[in-house]
Protein backbone atom coordinates (compact mmCIF):
# COMPACT_ATOMS: atom_id res chain seq x y z
CA MET A 1 -0.01 0.01 0.01
CA THR A 2 1.36 3.42 -0.80
CA LYS A 3 1.79 6.17 1.68
CA ILE A 4 -1.37 8.03 2.74
CA ASP A 5 -0.59 11.54 1.46
CA PHE A 6 -3.19 13.53 3.53
CA LEU A 7 -1.41 12.41 6.85
CA PHE A 8 1.42 14.80 6.02
CA LYS A 9 -0.51 17.90 5.34
CA GLU A 10 0.65 20.94 7.50
CA ASP A 11 -2.77 22.16 8.27
CA TYR A 12 -4.16 18.74 9.20
CA LEU A 13 -4.07 16.58 12.37
CA ILE A 14 -5.71 13.13 12.63
CA ALA A 15 -6.23 11.62 16.06
CA GLY A 16 -7.89 9.08 18.24
CA VAL A 17 -8.98 10.03 21.77
CA ASP A 18 -9.64 7.69 24.59
CA SER A 19 -10.82 9.72 27.48
CA GLY A 20 -10.62 7.80 30.69
CA ASN A 21 -11.24 8.45 34.31
CA ILE A 22 -7.54 8.27 35.17
CA SER A 23 -6.11 9.84 32.10
CA ASN A 24 -6.99 10.98 28.60
CA LYS A 25 -4.97 9.05 25.94
CA ILE A 26 -4.45 10.79 22.57
CA THR A 27 -2.86 8.88 19.65
CA TYR A 28 -1.99 10.86 16.56
CA ILE A 29 0.33 10.98 13.50
CA ASP A 30 3.60 12.78 13.88
CA GLN A 31 5.56 14.55 11.08
CA ASN A 32 7.01 11.27 9.81
CA GLY A 33 3.74 9.55 9.41
CA ASN A 34 4.35 7.35 12.53
CA VAL A 35 1.99 6.66 15.49
CA ALA A 36 2.70 8.82 18.54
CA SER A 37 0.77 8.91 21.79
CA LEU A 38 0.51 11.01 24.91
CA ASN A 39 -1.66 10.93 28.01
CA ILE A 40 -2.97 13.65 30.34
CA ALA A 41 -4.29 12.97 33.81
CA SER A 42 -7.95 13.51 34.09
CA ILE A 43 -7.73 16.49 36.40
CA ILE A 44 -8.22 20.24 35.74
CA GLY A 45 -7.78 23.44 37.62
CA GLU A 46 -10.67 25.70 36.88
CA ASN A 47 -10.65 29.52 36.85
CA ALA A 48 -6.85 29.45 36.47
CA GLU A 49 -6.73 33.06 35.36
CA THR A 50 -3.29 33.75 36.88
CA THR A 51 -0.89 35.03 34.49
CA ALA A 52 2.35 33.24 33.64
CA GLU A 53 4.30 35.82 35.55
CA ASP A 54 2.37 35.10 38.70
CA MET A 55 3.11 31.38 38.61
CA PRO A 56 6.44 29.64 39.36
CA ASP A 57 8.74 29.26 36.48
CA GLU A 58 9.36 25.62 37.15
CA SER A 59 7.29 22.72 38.28
CA ALA A 60 7.70 21.65 41.94
CA ASP A 61 8.53 18.17 40.60
CA LYS A 62 11.89 18.45 38.78
CA SER A 63 11.07 15.23 36.92
CA PHE A 64 8.01 16.66 35.46
CA PRO A 65 8.17 16.97 31.64
CA ASP A 66 8.29 20.45 30.40
CA ASP A 67 5.91 19.77 27.49
CA MET A 68 3.25 18.68 30.00
CA ILE A 69 3.13 22.03 31.64
CA LEU A 70 -0.39 22.88 30.50
CA HIS A 71 -1.70 26.25 31.64
CA LEU A 72 -4.12 27.06 28.96
CA HIS A 73 -6.65 29.64 27.69
CA ILE A 74 -9.43 27.79 25.94
CA LYS A 75 -12.23 29.31 23.88
CA SER A 76 -14.73 26.65 22.82
CA LYS A 77 -18.51 26.14 22.70
CA ALA A 78 -17.91 22.62 23.78
CA LEU A 79 -17.29 23.85 27.34
CA PRO A 80 -20.04 24.60 29.78
CA LYS A 81 -22.02 27.88 28.85
CA ASN A 82 -20.47 29.84 31.64
CA ARG A 83 -16.93 28.86 30.77
CA THR A 84 -16.70 29.09 26.84
CA ASN A 85 -13.76 31.49 27.32
CA SER A 86 -11.80 30.26 30.25
CA TYR A 87 -8.35 29.48 31.78
CA TYR A 88 -7.39 26.09 32.91
CA THR A 89 -4.55 24.19 34.29
CA VAL A 90 -4.57 20.63 33.00
CA GLY A 91 -3.26 17.14 33.86
CA GLU A 92 -0.77 16.59 36.67
CA TYR A 93 0.37 20.27 36.28
CA ALA A 94 -3.10 21.23 37.67
CA GLN A 95 -2.19 19.33 40.89
CA ILE A 96 1.35 20.84 41.08
CA SER A 97 0.47 24.46 40.29
CA THR A 98 -2.99 25.15 41.67
CA ASN A 99 -2.93 26.70 45.13
CA ASP A 100 -6.75 27.10 45.30
CA LYS A 101 -7.79 23.38 45.81
CA LYS A 102 -11.43 24.03 45.61
CA ASN A 103 -10.94 24.85 41.94
CA LEU A 104 -9.24 21.52 41.37
CA ARG A 105 -11.28 18.75 39.90
CA GLU A 106 -10.46 15.07 39.27
CA THR A 107 -12.96 12.43 37.92
CA SER A 108 -14.61 10.44 40.62
CA SER A 109 -14.00 6.73 40.78
CA ASP A 110 -17.66 6.02 39.98
CA ALA A 111 -18.00 8.66 37.20
CA ARG A 112 -20.79 7.57 34.79
CA ASP A 113 -21.06 9.87 31.67
CA LYS A 114 -18.07 11.00 29.70
CA LEU A 115 -19.68 12.93 26.82
CA GLY A 116 -19.97 16.57 27.61
CA ASN A 117 -18.16 16.19 31.03
CA GLU A 118 -15.97 19.33 31.50
CA ILE A 119 -12.96 17.37 32.56
CA HIS A 120 -13.13 15.15 29.47
CA VAL A 121 -13.78 18.15 27.13
CA VAL A 122 -10.83 20.16 28.59
CA THR A 123 -8.32 17.21 28.63
CA THR A 124 -9.35 16.29 24.96
CA LEU A 125 -8.81 19.83 23.63
CA ALA A 126 -5.59 20.20 25.70
CA GLY A 127 -4.41 16.89 24.26
CA LEU A 128 -5.22 17.73 20.67
CA ALA A 129 -3.54 21.08 21.01
CA LEU A 130 -0.35 19.57 22.52
CA ALA A 131 -0.32 16.83 19.72
CA ALA A 132 -0.52 19.74 17.18
CA TRP A 133 2.30 21.71 18.85
CA LYS A 134 4.46 18.62 19.13
CA SER A 135 3.77 17.88 15.43
CA GLY A 136 4.97 21.38 14.43
CA LYS A 137 1.58 22.76 13.61
CA THR A 138 1.41 26.52 14.18
CA HIS A 139 -1.98 28.17 13.25
CA THR A 140 -5.36 26.46 12.18
CA VAL A 141 -5.53 22.74 11.67
CA ASP A 142 -8.40 20.60 10.38
CA VAL A 143 -9.02 17.74 12.77
CA PRO A 144 -11.33 14.72 12.09
CA LEU A 145 -11.91 13.44 15.56
CA SER A 146 -12.31 9.82 16.56
CA PHE A 147 -13.31 9.05 20.21
CA GLY A 148 -15.28 6.50 22.14
CA LEU A 149 -17.70 5.90 24.83
CA PRO A 150 -18.62 2.97 27.13
CA ILE A 151 -21.06 0.66 25.26
CA GLU A 152 -24.12 1.42 27.37
CA GLU A 153 -23.46 5.22 27.21
CA ALA A 154 -22.85 5.08 23.47
CA LYS A 155 -26.21 3.35 22.91
CA GLN A 156 -27.93 6.36 24.52
CA ALA A 157 -25.82 9.21 23.04
CA SER A 158 -27.83 11.78 20.98
CA SER A 159 -26.53 13.18 17.87
CA GLU A 160 -26.35 16.57 19.36
CA LYS A 161 -24.04 15.41 22.07
CA ILE A 162 -21.96 13.36 19.71
CA ASN A 163 -21.36 16.56 17.59
CA LEU A 164 -20.36 18.55 20.71
CA TYR A 165 -16.81 19.02 19.40
CA MET A 166 -17.73 20.11 15.86
CA GLY A 167 -16.38 23.53 14.85
CA GLU A 168 -13.40 25.69 15.94
CA HIS A 169 -11.67 25.69 19.39
CA GLU A 170 -8.86 28.13 20.15
CA ILE A 171 -6.23 27.11 22.62
CA THR A 172 -3.32 29.36 23.82
CA ALA A 173 -0.44 28.30 25.95
CA ILE A 174 -0.02 30.60 28.89
CA LYS A 175 3.40 29.13 29.99
CA GLY A 176 5.65 26.16 29.28
CA PRO A 177 7.62 25.41 26.11
CA TYR A 178 4.64 26.50 23.89
CA LYS A 179 4.08 29.75 25.80
CA GLY A 180 2.39 32.44 23.74
CA LYS A 181 1.47 29.93 20.83
CA THR A 182 -2.17 29.70 19.71
CA ILE A 183 -3.58 26.81 17.81
CA THR A 184 -7.01 26.69 16.47
CA LEU A 185 -8.51 23.20 16.10
CA ASN A 186 -11.11 23.11 13.43
CA ILE A 187 -12.95 19.88 14.12
CA THR A 188 -14.41 18.89 10.78
CA ASP A 189 -15.87 15.50 11.52
CA VAL A 190 -16.71 13.52 14.61
CA GLN A 191 -16.67 9.79 14.70
CA LEU A 192 -18.13 7.92 17.79
CA ASN A 193 -16.65 4.55 18.55
CA VAL A 194 -17.72 2.02 21.13
CA GLU A 195 -15.04 1.20 23.80
CA GLY A 196 -13.75 -2.26 23.41
CA VAL A 197 -15.44 -2.74 20.00
CA THR A 198 -12.66 -1.24 17.77
CA SER A 199 -9.74 -2.31 19.90
CA TYR A 200 -8.74 -5.20 17.68
CA LEU A 201 -7.69 -2.76 14.93
CA ALA A 202 -4.74 -1.68 17.04
CA LEU A 203 -3.72 -5.27 17.43
CA ALA A 204 -4.15 -6.39 13.79
CA PHE A 205 -2.88 -3.24 12.03
CA ASP A 206 -0.10 -0.67 12.55
CA LEU A 207 0.95 2.54 10.68
CA VAL A 208 4.65 2.80 9.74
CA ASP A 209 5.95 5.74 7.71
CA GLY A 210 2.54 6.69 6.64
CA GLU A 211 1.60 3.15 5.43
CA VAL A 212 -0.98 0.81 7.02
CA VAL A 213 0.54 -2.63 7.64
CA GLU A 214 -0.80 -5.85 9.08
CA THR A 215 0.78 -7.09 12.31
CA GLU A 216 1.98 -10.58 13.01
CA PHE A 217 -0.46 -10.67 15.96
CA SER A 218 -3.41 -10.52 13.52
CA SER A 219 -2.83 -14.17 12.42
CA GLN A 220 -3.69 -15.26 16.03
CA ILE A 221 -7.11 -13.67 16.07
CA HIS A 222 -10.09 -16.14 15.34
CA ASP A 223 -12.96 -15.36 13.04
CA GLU A 224 -15.27 -15.18 16.09
CA PHE A 225 -13.86 -13.55 19.24
CA ALA A 226 -14.63 -11.28 22.12
CA ILE A 227 -12.71 -8.29 23.53
CA ALA A 228 -12.37 -7.32 27.18
CA ASP A 229 -11.31 -3.61 27.51
CA LEU A 230 -10.14 -3.14 31.07
CA GLY A 231 -10.46 0.54 31.82
CA ALA A 232 -10.38 3.03 34.71
CA GLY A 233 -14.12 3.34 35.07
CA THR A 234 -15.60 0.31 33.17
CA LEU A 235 -14.99 -3.21 31.87
CA ASP A 236 -16.28 -3.28 28.30
CA LEU A 237 -17.06 -6.70 26.62
CA ALA A 238 -17.68 -6.73 22.91
CA LEU A 239 -18.62 -9.96 20.94
CA TYR A 240 -17.71 -10.55 17.23
CA ASP A 241 -19.60 -13.43 15.82
CA GLU A 242 -20.23 -14.64 12.23
CA ASN A 243 -22.36 -11.56 11.52
CA GLY A 244 -19.81 -9.07 12.87
CA LEU A 245 -20.29 -7.00 16.03
CA ASN A 246 -23.04 -8.45 18.17
CA SER A 247 -24.46 -5.29 19.71
CA THR A 248 -27.04 -7.11 21.80
CA LYS A 249 -24.53 -9.17 23.62
CA SER A 250 -21.91 -6.49 23.85
CA THR A 251 -22.08 -4.64 27.14
CA ASN A 252 -19.99 -2.90 29.89
CA HIS A 253 -19.83 -3.21 33.74
CA LEU A 254 -18.90 -0.57 36.30
CA ILE A 255 -15.66 -2.30 37.20
CA GLY A 256 -12.61 -0.17 36.87
CA THR A 257 -9.18 0.43 38.29
CA ASN A 258 -10.06 3.82 39.75
CA LYS A 259 -11.95 2.47 42.77
CA TYR A 260 -8.89 0.28 43.71
CA ILE A 261 -6.21 2.83 43.17
CA ASP A 262 -8.32 5.10 45.56
CA LEU A 263 -8.44 2.18 48.18
CA ILE A 264 -4.67 1.61 47.77
CA MET A 265 -3.98 5.35 48.42
CA LYS A 266 -6.31 5.58 51.36
CA GLU A 267 -4.92 2.43 53.14
CA ALA A 268 -1.34 3.43 52.35
CA ALA A 269 -1.93 6.75 54.09
CA GLU A 270 -2.85 4.84 57.21
CA LEU A 271 0.42 2.99 57.65
CA LYS A 272 2.31 3.56 60.88
CA GLU A 273 5.26 4.87 58.84
CA PHE A 274 3.17 7.89 58.18
CA ASP A 275 1.95 8.54 61.77
CA SER A 276 3.97 11.78 61.92
CA ILE A 277 2.66 13.07 58.52
CA ARG A 278 -0.87 12.45 59.63
CA ALA A 279 -0.20 14.31 62.93
CA ARG A 280 0.70 17.36 60.98
CA PHE A 281 -2.54 17.35 59.24
CA GLU A 282 -4.49 16.87 62.40
CA ARG A 283 -2.51 19.70 64.13
CA VAL A 284 -4.06 22.15 61.70
CA ASN A 285 -7.47 20.56 61.77
CA LYS A 286 -7.21 18.87 58.26
CA THR A 287 -8.10 15.36 57.27
CA PRO A 288 -4.94 13.41 56.42
CA LYS A 289 -4.87 12.56 52.68
CA ILE A 290 -2.09 11.74 50.27
CA SER A 291 -2.19 14.57 47.86
CA PHE A 292 -1.48 12.68 44.63
CA THR A 293 -3.71 12.18 41.68
CA ARG A 294 -4.18 8.63 40.55
CA GLU A 295 -1.99 9.15 37.49
CA GLU A 296 0.79 10.59 39.58
CA PHE A 297 0.59 7.88 42.24
CA MET A 298 0.63 5.12 39.46
CA ARG A 299 3.43 6.75 37.68
CA LYS A 300 5.70 7.18 40.67
CA PHE A 301 5.09 4.24 42.77
CA ILE A 302 3.34 1.39 40.79
CA LYS A 303 4.22 1.50 37.10
CA PRO A 304 8.08 1.19 37.56
CA GLU A 305 7.68 -2.14 39.39
CA ILE A 306 5.02 -3.49 36.85
CA ASP A 307 7.45 -2.61 34.03
CA LYS A 308 10.13 -4.73 35.62
CA MET A 309 7.63 -7.62 35.96
CA ILE A 310 6.68 -7.37 32.30
CA ILE A 311 10.39 -7.53 31.31
CA LYS A 312 11.01 -10.43 33.89
CA PRO A 313 7.88 -12.48 34.50
CA LYS A 314 9.47 -14.09 37.60
CA TYR A 315 10.18 -10.86 39.13
CA SER A 316 8.48 -10.24 42.48
CA PRO A 317 7.49 -6.57 42.67
CA ILE A 318 8.20 -4.47 45.81
CA PHE A 319 5.98 -1.37 45.85
CA LYS A 320 7.03 1.60 48.02
CA ALA A 321 5.26 4.96 48.39
CA THR A 322 6.67 8.24 49.68
CA TRP A 323 4.63 10.75 51.40
CA GLN A 324 6.45 14.06 52.21
CA SER A 325 9.71 12.92 54.07
CA LYS A 326 8.47 9.28 54.80
CA THR A 327 8.56 6.10 52.79
CA ALA A 328 6.64 2.88 53.42
CA ASP A 329 6.42 -0.58 51.80
CA ILE A 330 2.95 -0.86 50.34
CA THR A 331 3.41 -4.17 48.50
CA LYS A 332 0.78 -6.14 50.57
CA ILE A 333 -1.72 -3.29 50.14
CA VAL A 334 -1.24 -3.07 46.22
CA ASP A 335 -1.29 -6.93 46.15
CA LYS A 336 -4.57 -7.10 48.00
CA TYR A 337 -6.55 -4.64 45.89
CA THR A 338 -5.04 -5.59 42.48
CA LYS A 339 -6.07 -9.11 43.37
CA GLN A 340 -9.57 -8.05 44.23
CA TYR A 341 -9.80 -6.10 40.93
CA ALA A 342 -8.54 -9.10 39.01
CA GLU A 343 -11.05 -11.43 40.59
CA GLU A 344 -13.86 -9.17 39.59
CA VAL A 345 -12.59 -8.91 35.97
CA LYS A 346 -11.94 -12.68 35.77
CA ASP A 347 -15.50 -13.51 37.09
CA LYS A 348 -17.05 -11.38 34.31
CA VAL A 349 -14.75 -12.77 31.60
CA ILE A 350 -15.46 -16.43 32.57
CA ARG A 351 -19.21 -15.73 32.68
CA TYR A 352 -18.95 -14.12 29.15
CA PHE A 353 -17.38 -17.11 27.85
CA VAL A 354 -20.24 -19.21 29.17
CA ASP A 355 -23.13 -16.88 28.21
CA THR A 356 -21.98 -16.19 24.62
CA ASN A 357 -20.30 -19.46 23.87
CA VAL A 358 -17.35 -17.54 22.33
CA GLY A 359 -14.05 -19.42 21.90
CA GLN A 360 -11.49 -16.59 22.33
CA MET A 361 -11.17 -13.43 24.40
CA ILE A 362 -8.65 -10.67 23.67
CA ILE A 363 -7.61 -8.71 26.77
CA VAL A 364 -6.76 -4.99 26.25
CA GLY A 365 -6.76 -1.80 28.33
CA GLY A 366 -4.75 -0.26 31.10
CA GLY A 367 -6.20 -2.59 33.57
CA ILE A 368 -3.93 -5.34 32.32
CA LEU A 369 -0.92 -3.41 33.61
CA PHE A 370 -2.61 -2.43 36.99
CA ALA A 371 -3.12 -6.16 37.91
CA TYR A 372 -0.96 -7.96 35.51
CA GLN A 373 0.42 -10.52 38.07
CA HIS A 374 -3.09 -11.71 38.85
CA LEU A 375 -4.56 -11.45 35.44
CA ALA A 376 -1.87 -13.50 33.69
CA GLU A 377 -3.59 -16.75 34.57
CA LEU A 378 -6.37 -15.83 32.10
CA LYS A 379 -4.02 -17.03 29.42
CA ASP A 380 -4.98 -20.51 30.45
CA GLU A 381 -8.63 -19.66 29.77
CA ASP A 382 -8.38 -19.05 25.91
CA CYS A 383 -7.59 -15.39 26.53
CA LEU A 384 -5.17 -13.70 24.34
CA PHE A 385 -2.78 -10.98 25.54
CA PRO A 386 -1.16 -8.69 23.11
CA PRO A 387 2.59 -8.82 22.63
CA ASN A 388 3.43 -5.10 23.31
CA ILE A 389 1.62 -5.22 26.61
CA ASP A 390 3.53 -2.22 27.87
CA GLN A 391 1.49 -0.13 25.44
CA ALA A 392 -1.75 -1.72 26.64
CA SER A 393 -3.19 1.67 27.89
CA PHE A 394 -2.93 3.07 24.36
CA PHE A 395 -4.49 0.24 22.37
CA THR A 396 -7.98 1.93 22.44
CA SER A 397 -6.82 5.45 21.29
CA LYS A 398 -4.62 3.91 18.62
CA ALA A 399 -7.59 1.79 17.38
CA TYR A 400 -9.80 4.95 17.21
CA LEU A 401 -6.97 6.56 15.11
CA LEU A 402 -6.72 3.75 12.69
CA LYS A 403 -10.52 3.65 12.34
CA ASN A 404 -10.32 7.40 11.68
CA ILE A 405 -7.72 6.97 8.99
CA ILE A 406 -9.77 4.27 7.23
CA ALA A 407 -12.86 6.44 7.27
CA GLU A 408 -10.82 9.41 5.74
CA ILE A 409 -9.53 7.12 3.01
CA GLU A 410 -12.94 6.00 2.20
CA LYS A 411 -14.33 9.59 2.23
CA GLN A 412 -11.55 10.82 -0.08
CA SER A 413 -11.93 7.90 -2.40
CA ILE A 414 -15.78 8.79 -2.77
CA GLU A 415 -14.99 12.40 -3.40
CA ALA A 416 -12.40 11.53 -6.05
C-alpha cells in the first residue's frame, strides 16, 4: 500500500482520543507519518486566570516533563456555557500548580457519563493542542476526531451530544515550552466509537511511515472472538460473531481500576510509617490525605515495578510509596487490591465465555498493567494478551486513530 498523503499535510491533524477516568489518551500521527501517543491525567484546575508571571517558572517536581506544563486559555463552545472563554491548568500540572484546591477537579472513581463532562472536554482539547504543537503545527488545523464511549453510554448518546466538538476551538499556551502559541482546532468530523469494540484494529494493524501494515499478531485472532477492555471506570465486553459485532450481547460493567487505586492510596496513608505526617494534618485541623492524583501515584510508585515484572515475568515486585519525608512498603496493600480487581474481572470474563459460547477473548486496556500479576492466569482460559503489553493503555486510542484513517481514506476515495 502506498503512503497516505493526507497524513502529511501541514494544516491537518488526525487523532484518536480515549478519554478515561484516570487519564485521557491521545494517539496521533507525527511529522514522519508514524503513530505517537500522549496521555494527560484527568484532572483540571478551573478559573486558572493567573498570568504566567504570577506562577512559578518551574514545576515543583523536577522530573515533570516541560511539555506537560499545561496552563491554557481555551475558547470553545464545547465547554459549559459559563466557561466558553476560560483559563485552565490541565493534567498533573493542575495538581502541582494550583494553590486554590477548591478549583481542582479530578474524575470520581464511579464517574458515569463522559460525553460533555467538562474534565473530558478540557483534557481532550488540551491533548489535541499538545499533539498539534508537538507535530510542528502553528496556526489552524483541520481535525477529524475519533473518540469513544462505554457501550451502554454510546447506545444512549444523542447526535447533538456526539457533535459537541464540531467547529473551531482556540487554545493558547500561557506558559511552558509553547508559551504564547495559539492553535485553532477546526474539528471537521466526529466519529463515535464504542469502547472495546474497535480495539482489535490496534492489534491487527499498525501505521509505519504513513503506510497501514498488518501485524503478526493478526494471524492469532479467530474469526469469532470477544474483546475485554479493562478501563479506569468500566470493563467493556464486545462480541464478534459470524455476523460481525453483536451489539445485543456487547455490554459494559462498572468495574474499573479507579476504585482500587483510591483504596490503595487511602490504606497506604494509614500505615504507621506515616504517623508523623498524619499528625501534621491533624494539628491544623485537616483530614490526612495523600495529595497525589491517581495518575501521579501510579506513575511514581506502581508502574516502575510493573514494568520490571513485564520484562522479567518471575520478578516479585516491591511497591514503595513516599509521602512528604517518609517512605513505606505498600506491597501487601497493592497486592490485596489488585487481586480483588482481577477477581472481579476474571469472574465477568468467565461468565461471558459461558453466556456467549465464544471461543477466544482478547484482553486490552490499562487494567492489564494494573493487575498483571493476577490477570496473567487468564492466558489458560483461551484469553489472548497482546505482545506489546507495555502499550496496553494506548490500544484503544490507537484503534480509534486507525478507524479514523480508514474512514478518511474511504471519504476521499468517494469524493475523487
